[in-house]
Each structure stands twice: as C-alpha cells, then as structure tokens.
Amino acid sequence: GQLDEVISRHIGLSVRTTRRIISDLTGRLGA
C-alpha cells in the first residue's frame, strides 16, 4: 500500500521512473 513517492525513496529512483515501472508492470499483468 505504499505511495509512489515512498516506493521511489525506497528504491532510490525518481517518482517518474517509479511510475513508469509501475505502469509497465500493470500493463504486463493486464490490469
């Protein structure tokens, strides 16, 4: 349930990059 900003800080990437990763994963899952 973490927000994009929290995930970004945890993995050390920008929020924009994190959102791109989330979007890619969501697409691969067909969600």
All heavy atoms as atom14 arrays in JSON, in Angstrom:
{
  "sequence": "GQLDEVISRHIGLSVRTTRRIISDLTGRLGA",
  "atom14_mask": [
    [1, 1, 1, 1, 0, 0, 0, 0, 0, 0, 0, 0, 0, 0],
    [1, 1, 1, 1, 1, 1, 1, 1, 1, 0, 0, 0, 0, 0],
    [1, 1, 1, 1, 1, 1, 1, 1, 0, 0, 0, 0, 0, 0],
    [1, 1, 1, 1, 1, 1, 1, 1, 0, 0, 0, 0, 0, 0],
    [1, 1, 1, 1, 1, 1, 1, 1, 1, 0, 0, 0, 0, 0],
    [1, 1, 1, 1, 1, 1, 1, 0, 0, 0, 0, 0, 0, 0],
    [1, 1, 1, 1, 1, 1, 1, 1, 0, 0, 0, 0, 0, 0],
    [1, 1, 1, 1, 1, 1, 0, 0, 0, 0, 0, 0, 0, 0],
    [1, 1, 1, 1, 1, 1, 1, 1, 1, 1, 1, 0, 0, 0],
    [1, 1, 1, 1, 1, 1, 1, 1, 1, 1, 0, 0, 0, 0],
    [1, 1, 1, 1, 1, 1, 1, 1, 0, 0, 0, 0, 0, 0],
    [1, 1, 1, 1, 0, 0, 0, 0, 0, 0, 0, 0, 0, 0],
    [1, 1, 1, 1, 1, 1, 1, 1, 0, 0, 0, 0, 0, 0],
    [1, 1, 1, 1, 1, 1, 0, 0, 0, 0, 0, 0, 0, 0],
    [1, 1, 1, 1, 1, 1, 1, 0, 0, 0, 0, 0, 0, 0],
    [1, 1, 1, 1, 1, 1, 1, 1, 1, 1, 1, 0, 0, 0],
    [1, 1, 1, 1, 1, 1, 1, 0, 0, 0, 0, 0, 0, 0],
    [1, 1, 1, 1, 1, 1, 1, 0, 0, 0, 0, 0, 0, 0],
    [1, 1, 1, 1, 1, 1, 1, 1, 1, 1, 1, 0, 0, 0],
    [1, 1, 1, 1, 1, 1, 1, 1, 1, 1, 1, 0, 0, 0],
    [1, 1, 1, 1, 1, 1, 1, 1, 0, 0, 0, 0, 0, 0],
    [1, 1, 1, 1, 1, 1, 1, 1, 0, 0, 0, 0, 0, 0],
    [1, 1, 1, 1, 1, 1, 0, 0, 0, 0, 0, 0, 0, 0],
    [1, 1, 1, 1, 1, 1, 1, 1, 0, 0, 0, 0, 0, 0],
    [1, 1, 1, 1, 1, 1, 1, 1, 0, 0, 0, 0, 0, 0],
    [1, 1, 1, 1, 1, 1, 1, 0, 0, 0, 0, 0, 0, 0],
    [1, 1, 1, 1, 0, 0, 0, 0, 0, 0, 0, 0, 0, 0],
    [1, 1, 1, 1, 1, 1, 1, 1, 1, 1, 1, 0, 0, 0],
    [1, 1, 1, 1, 1, 1, 1, 1, 0, 0, 0, 0, 0, 0],
    [1, 1, 1, 1, 0, 0, 0, 0, 0, 0, 0, 0, 0, 0],
    [1, 1, 1, 1, 1, 0, 0, 0, 0, 0, 0, 0, 0, 0]
  ],
  "atom14_positions": [
    [[0.78, -1.23, 0.0], [0.0, 0.0, 0.0], [0.81, 1.28, 0.0], [0.28, 2.35, 0.3], [0.0, 0.0, 0.0], [0.0, 0.0, 0.0], [0.0, 0.0, 0.0], [0.0, 0.0, 0.0], [0.0, 0.0, 0.0], [0.0, 0.0, 0.0], [0.0, 0.0, 0.0], [0.0, 0.0, 0.0], [0.0, 0.0, 0.0], [0.0, 0.0, 0.0]],
    [[2.1, 1.17, -0.34], [2.95, 2.35, -0.34], [2.64, 3.26, -1.53], [2.31, 2.8, -2.62], [4.43, 1.94, -0.37], [4.86, 1.11, 0.81], [4.72, 1.85, 2.12], [4.92, 3.07, 2.2], [4.37, 1.13, 3.17], [0.0, 0.0, 0.0], [0.0, 0.0, 0.0], [0.0, 0.0, 0.0], [0.0, 0.0, 0.0], [0.0, 0.0, 0.0]],
    [[2.78, 4.55, -1.31], [2.6, 5.54, -2.37], [3.82, 5.55, -3.29], [4.92, 5.11, -2.9], [2.41, 6.93, -1.77], [1.2, 7.12, -0.85], [1.24, 8.49, -0.21], [-0.08, 6.92, -1.65], [0.0, 0.0, 0.0], [0.0, 0.0, 0.0], [0.0, 0.0, 0.0], [0.0, 0.0, 0.0], [0.0, 0.0, 0.0], [0.0, 0.0, 0.0]],
    [[3.63, 6.08, -4.5], [4.73, 6.13, -5.47], [5.95, 6.85, -4.9], [7.09, 6.43, -5.12], [4.27, 6.86, -6.75], [3.19, 6.11, -7.49], [2.89, 4.95, -7.12], [2.64, 6.69, -8.45], [0.0, 0.0, 0.0], [0.0, 0.0, 0.0], [0.0, 0.0, 0.0], [0.0, 0.0, 0.0], [0.0, 0.0, 0.0], [0.0, 0.0, 0.0]],
    [[5.72, 7.93, -4.16], [6.83, 8.7, -3.59], [7.63, 7.87, -2.59], [8.86, 7.94, -2.55], [6.3, 9.98, -2.93], [5.71, 10.98, -3.88], [4.3, 10.65, -4.39], [3.65, 9.71, -3.84], [3.86, 11.31, -5.34], [0.0, 0.0, 0.0], [0.0, 0.0, 0.0], [0.0, 0.0, 0.0], [0.0, 0.0, 0.0], [0.0, 0.0, 0.0]],
    [[6.93, 7.09, -1.78], [7.61, 6.24, -0.79], [8.39, 5.14, -1.49], [9.54, 4.85, -1.14], [6.58, 5.65, 0.2], [7.24, 4.67, 1.16], [5.87, 6.76, 0.96], [0.0, 0.0, 0.0], [0.0, 0.0, 0.0], [0.0, 0.0, 0.0], [0.0, 0.0, 0.0], [0.0, 0.0, 0.0], [0.0, 0.0, 0.0], [0.0, 0.0, 0.0]],
    [[7.79, 4.54, -2.5], [8.48, 3.5, -3.28], [9.73, 4.08, -3.92], [10.81, 3.48, -3.89], [7.54, 2.88, -4.34], [6.36, 2.18, -3.67], [8.3, 1.92, -5.24], [5.27, 1.72, -4.63], [0.0, 0.0, 0.0], [0.0, 0.0, 0.0], [0.0, 0.0, 0.0], [0.0, 0.0, 0.0], [0.0, 0.0, 0.0], [0.0, 0.0, 0.0]],
    [[9.6, 5.29, -4.47], [10.74, 5.95, -5.13], [11.89, 6.15, -4.17], [13.05, 5.89, -4.51], [10.32, 7.32, -5.69], [9.35, 7.17, -6.67], [0.0, 0.0, 0.0], [0.0, 0.0, 0.0], [0.0, 0.0, 0.0], [0.0, 0.0, 0.0], [0.0, 0.0, 0.0], [0.0, 0.0, 0.0], [0.0, 0.0, 0.0], [0.0, 0.0, 0.0]],
    [[11.58, 6.64, -2.97], [12.65, 6.85, -1.98], [13.29, 5.51, -1.6], [14.5, 5.42, -1.44], [12.09, 7.54, -0.73], [11.94, 9.03, -0.89], [11.73, 9.73, 0.44], [10.6, 9.22, 1.2], [9.35, 9.66, 1.09], [9.07, 10.63, 0.25], [8.39, 9.14, 1.83], [0.0, 0.0, 0.0], [0.0, 0.0, 0.0], [0.0, 0.0, 0.0]],
    [[12.48, 4.49, -1.45], [12.99, 3.18, -1.03], [13.93, 2.58, -2.07], [14.96, 2.01, -1.71], [11.83, 2.24, -0.74], [12.26, 0.94, -0.14], [12.67, -0.14, -0.88], [12.36, 0.56, 1.17], [12.99, -1.13, -0.08], [12.81, -0.73, 1.18], [0.0, 0.0, 0.0], [0.0, 0.0, 0.0], [0.0, 0.0, 0.0], [0.0, 0.0, 0.0]],
    [[13.59, 2.7, -3.35], [14.42, 2.09, -4.4], [15.47, 3.05, -4.95], [16.33, 2.65, -5.73], [13.57, 1.52, -5.55], [12.77, 2.6, -6.26], [12.67, 0.4, -5.03], [11.97, 2.11, -7.46], [0.0, 0.0, 0.0], [0.0, 0.0, 0.0], [0.0, 0.0, 0.0], [0.0, 0.0, 0.0], [0.0, 0.0, 0.0], [0.0, 0.0, 0.0]],
    [[15.4, 4.33, -4.56], [16.41, 5.29, -4.97], [16.28, 5.78, -6.4], [17.27, 6.12, -7.03], [0.0, 0.0, 0.0], [0.0, 0.0, 0.0], [0.0, 0.0, 0.0], [0.0, 0.0, 0.0], [0.0, 0.0, 0.0], [0.0, 0.0, 0.0], [0.0, 0.0, 0.0], [0.0, 0.0, 0.0], [0.0, 0.0, 0.0], [0.0, 0.0, 0.0]],
    [[15.04, 5.83, -6.91], [14.81, 6.33, -8.26], [13.8, 7.48, -8.19], [13.13, 7.68, -7.18], [14.26, 5.22, -9.16], [15.21, 4.05, -9.42], [14.49, 2.95, -10.2], [16.43, 4.5, -10.18], [0.0, 0.0, 0.0], [0.0, 0.0, 0.0], [0.0, 0.0, 0.0], [0.0, 0.0, 0.0], [0.0, 0.0, 0.0], [0.0, 0.0, 0.0]],
    [[13.69, 8.22, -9.28], [12.74, 9.32, -9.32], [11.31, 8.79, -9.33], [11.06, 7.65, -9.7], [12.97, 10.18, -10.58], [12.57, 9.48, -11.73], [0.0, 0.0, 0.0], [0.0, 0.0, 0.0], [0.0, 0.0, 0.0], [0.0, 0.0, 0.0], [0.0, 0.0, 0.0], [0.0, 0.0, 0.0], [0.0, 0.0, 0.0], [0.0, 0.0, 0.0]],
    [[10.38, 9.66, -8.94], [8.97, 9.28, -8.94], [8.53, 8.95, -10.36], [7.78, 8.0, -10.58], [8.1, 10.42, -8.34], [6.62, 10.09, -8.45], [8.48, 10.66, -6.89], [0.0, 0.0, 0.0], [0.0, 0.0, 0.0], [0.0, 0.0, 0.0], [0.0, 0.0, 0.0], [0.0, 0.0, 0.0], [0.0, 0.0, 0.0], [0.0, 0.0, 0.0]],
    [[9.0, 9.72, -11.32], [8.62, 9.47, -12.71], [9.07, 8.09, -13.18], [8.32, 7.35, -13.82], [9.22, 10.56, -13.6], [8.81, 10.44, -15.03], [9.33, 11.58, -15.84], [8.98, 11.4, -17.23], [8.99, 12.34, -18.12], [9.33, 13.56, -17.78], [8.67, 12.1, -19.36], [0.0, 0.0, 0.0], [0.0, 0.0, 0.0], [0.0, 0.0, 0.0]],
    [[10.29, 7.7, -12.85], [10.8, 6.38, -13.22], [10.01, 5.28, -12.51], [9.67, 4.26, -13.11], [12.3, 6.27, -12.9], [13.0, 7.28, -13.62], [12.85, 4.91, -13.27], [0.0, 0.0, 0.0], [0.0, 0.0, 0.0], [0.0, 0.0, 0.0], [0.0, 0.0, 0.0], [0.0, 0.0, 0.0], [0.0, 0.0, 0.0], [0.0, 0.0, 0.0]],
    [[9.72, 5.52, -11.25], [8.93, 4.55, -10.48], [7.55, 4.37, -11.1], [7.07, 3.24, -11.26], [8.8, 5.0, -9.02], [10.1, 5.11, -8.46], [7.98, 4.01, -8.21], [0.0, 0.0, 0.0], [0.0, 0.0, 0.0], [0.0, 0.0, 0.0], [0.0, 0.0, 0.0], [0.0, 0.0, 0.0], [0.0, 0.0, 0.0], [0.0, 0.0, 0.0]],
    [[6.93, 5.46, -11.49], [5.61, 5.36, -12.13], [5.68, 4.64, -13.46], [4.75, 3.92, -13.84], [5.01, 6.75, -12.29], [4.56, 7.32, -10.96], [3.9, 8.66, -11.1], [3.45, 9.1, -9.78], [3.41, 10.37, -9.39], [3.77, 11.32, -10.23], [3.0, 10.67, -8.19], [0.0, 0.0, 0.0], [0.0, 0.0, 0.0], [0.0, 0.0, 0.0]],
    [[6.78, 4.8, -14.18], [6.95, 4.08, -15.44], [7.07, 2.58, -15.17], [6.48, 1.77, -15.88], [8.19, 4.58, -16.19], [8.37, 3.95, -17.56], [9.66, 4.34, -18.22], [10.84, 4.17, -17.39], [11.44, 3.01, -17.15], [10.95, 1.89, -17.63], [12.53, 2.94, -16.4], [0.0, 0.0, 0.0], [0.0, 0.0, 0.0], [0.0, 0.0, 0.0]],
    [[7.8, 2.21, -14.14], [7.94, 0.79, -13.77], [6.58, 0.23, -13.37], [6.2, -0.87, -13.8], [8.97, 0.63, -12.62], [10.38, 0.99, -13.12], [8.94, -0.8, -12.07], [11.41, 1.12, -12.02], [0.0, 0.0, 0.0], [0.0, 0.0, 0.0], [0.0, 0.0, 0.0], [0.0, 0.0, 0.0], [0.0, 0.0, 0.0], [0.0, 0.0, 0.0]],
    [[5.83, 0.98, -12.57], [4.5, 0.53, -12.14], [3.58, 0.39, -13.33], [2.85, -0.6, -13.46], [3.92, 1.5, -11.09], [4.72, 1.41, -9.78], [2.44, 1.22, -10.84], [4.4, 2.49, -8.77], [0.0, 0.0, 0.0], [0.0, 0.0, 0.0], [0.0, 0.0, 0.0], [0.0, 0.0, 0.0], [0.0, 0.0, 0.0], [0.0, 0.0, 0.0]],
    [[3.64, 1.34, -14.25], [2.81, 1.28, -15.46], [3.17, 0.06, -16.3], [2.28, -0.64, -16.82], [2.99, 2.56, -16.27], [2.29, 2.48, -17.48], [0.0, 0.0, 0.0], [0.0, 0.0, 0.0], [0.0, 0.0, 0.0], [0.0, 0.0, 0.0], [0.0, 0.0, 0.0], [0.0, 0.0, 0.0], [0.0, 0.0, 0.0], [0.0, 0.0, 0.0]],
    [[4.45, -0.21, -16.43], [4.9, -1.38, -17.21], [4.42, -2.67, -16.55], [3.9, -3.56, -17.23], [6.42, -1.38, -17.32], [6.95, -2.57, -18.08], [6.58, -2.73, -19.27], [7.72, -3.36, -17.49], [0.0, 0.0, 0.0], [0.0, 0.0, 0.0], [0.0, 0.0, 0.0], [0.0, 0.0, 0.0], [0.0, 0.0, 0.0], [0.0, 0.0, 0.0]],
    [[4.57, -2.78, -15.24], [4.12, -3.98, -14.53], [2.61, -4.16, -14.65], [2.12, -5.27, -14.88], [4.52, -3.9, -13.05], [6.0, -4.09, -12.76], [6.32, -3.69, -11.32], [6.43, -5.51, -13.03], [0.0, 0.0, 0.0], [0.0, 0.0, 0.0], [0.0, 0.0, 0.0], [0.0, 0.0, 0.0], [0.0, 0.0, 0.0], [0.0, 0.0, 0.0]],
    [[1.88, -3.06, -14.51], [0.43, -3.1, -14.62], [0.02, -3.58, -16.01], [-0.88, -4.4, -16.16], [-0.18, -1.73, -14.31], [0.24, -1.32, -13.0], [-1.69, -1.76, -14.35], [0.0, 0.0, 0.0], [0.0, 0.0, 0.0], [0.0, 0.0, 0.0], [0.0, 0.0, 0.0], [0.0, 0.0, 0.0], [0.0, 0.0, 0.0], [0.0, 0.0, 0.0]],
    [[0.71, -3.07, -17.03], [0.43, -3.5, -18.4], [0.75, -4.96, -18.64], [-0.02, -5.68, -19.28], [0.0, 0.0, 0.0], [0.0, 0.0, 0.0], [0.0, 0.0, 0.0], [0.0, 0.0, 0.0], [0.0, 0.0, 0.0], [0.0, 0.0, 0.0], [0.0, 0.0, 0.0], [0.0, 0.0, 0.0], [0.0, 0.0, 0.0], [0.0, 0.0, 0.0]],
    [[1.88, -5.42, -18.11], [2.26, -6.83, -18.28], [1.27, -7.75, -17.59], [1.05, -8.88, -18.04], [3.67, -7.05, -17.73], [4.72, -6.5, -18.68], [6.1, -6.41, -18.09], [6.6, -7.64, -17.52], [7.71, -7.69, -16.77], [8.4, -6.6, -16.53], [8.1, -8.83, -16.27], [0.0, 0.0, 0.0], [0.0, 0.0, 0.0], [0.0, 0.0, 0.0]],
    [[0.68, -7.27, -16.52], [-0.31, -8.07, -15.8], [-1.7, -7.94, -16.41], [-2.62, -8.65, -16.01], [-0.35, -7.64, -14.32], [0.87, -8.05, -13.5], [0.94, -7.24, -12.22], [0.84, -9.54, -13.21], [0.0, 0.0, 0.0], [0.0, 0.0, 0.0], [0.0, 0.0, 0.0], [0.0, 0.0, 0.0], [0.0, 0.0, 0.0], [0.0, 0.0, 0.0]],
    [[-1.86, -7.04, -17.37], [-3.16, -6.84, -18.0], [-4.17, -6.24, -17.04], [-5.35, -6.55, -17.11], [0.0, 0.0, 0.0], [0.0, 0.0, 0.0], [0.0, 0.0, 0.0], [0.0, 0.0, 0.0], [0.0, 0.0, 0.0], [0.0, 0.0, 0.0], [0.0, 0.0, 0.0], [0.0, 0.0, 0.0], [0.0, 0.0, 0.0], [0.0, 0.0, 0.0]],
    [[-3.69, -5.39, -16.15], [-4.55, -4.82, -15.12], [-4.94, -3.38, -15.46], [-4.21, -2.68, -16.16], [-3.82, -4.85, -13.77], [0.0, 0.0, 0.0], [0.0, 0.0, 0.0], [0.0, 0.0, 0.0], [0.0, 0.0, 0.0], [0.0, 0.0, 0.0], [0.0, 0.0, 0.0], [0.0, 0.0, 0.0], [0.0, 0.0, 0.0], [0.0, 0.0, 0.0]]
  ]
}
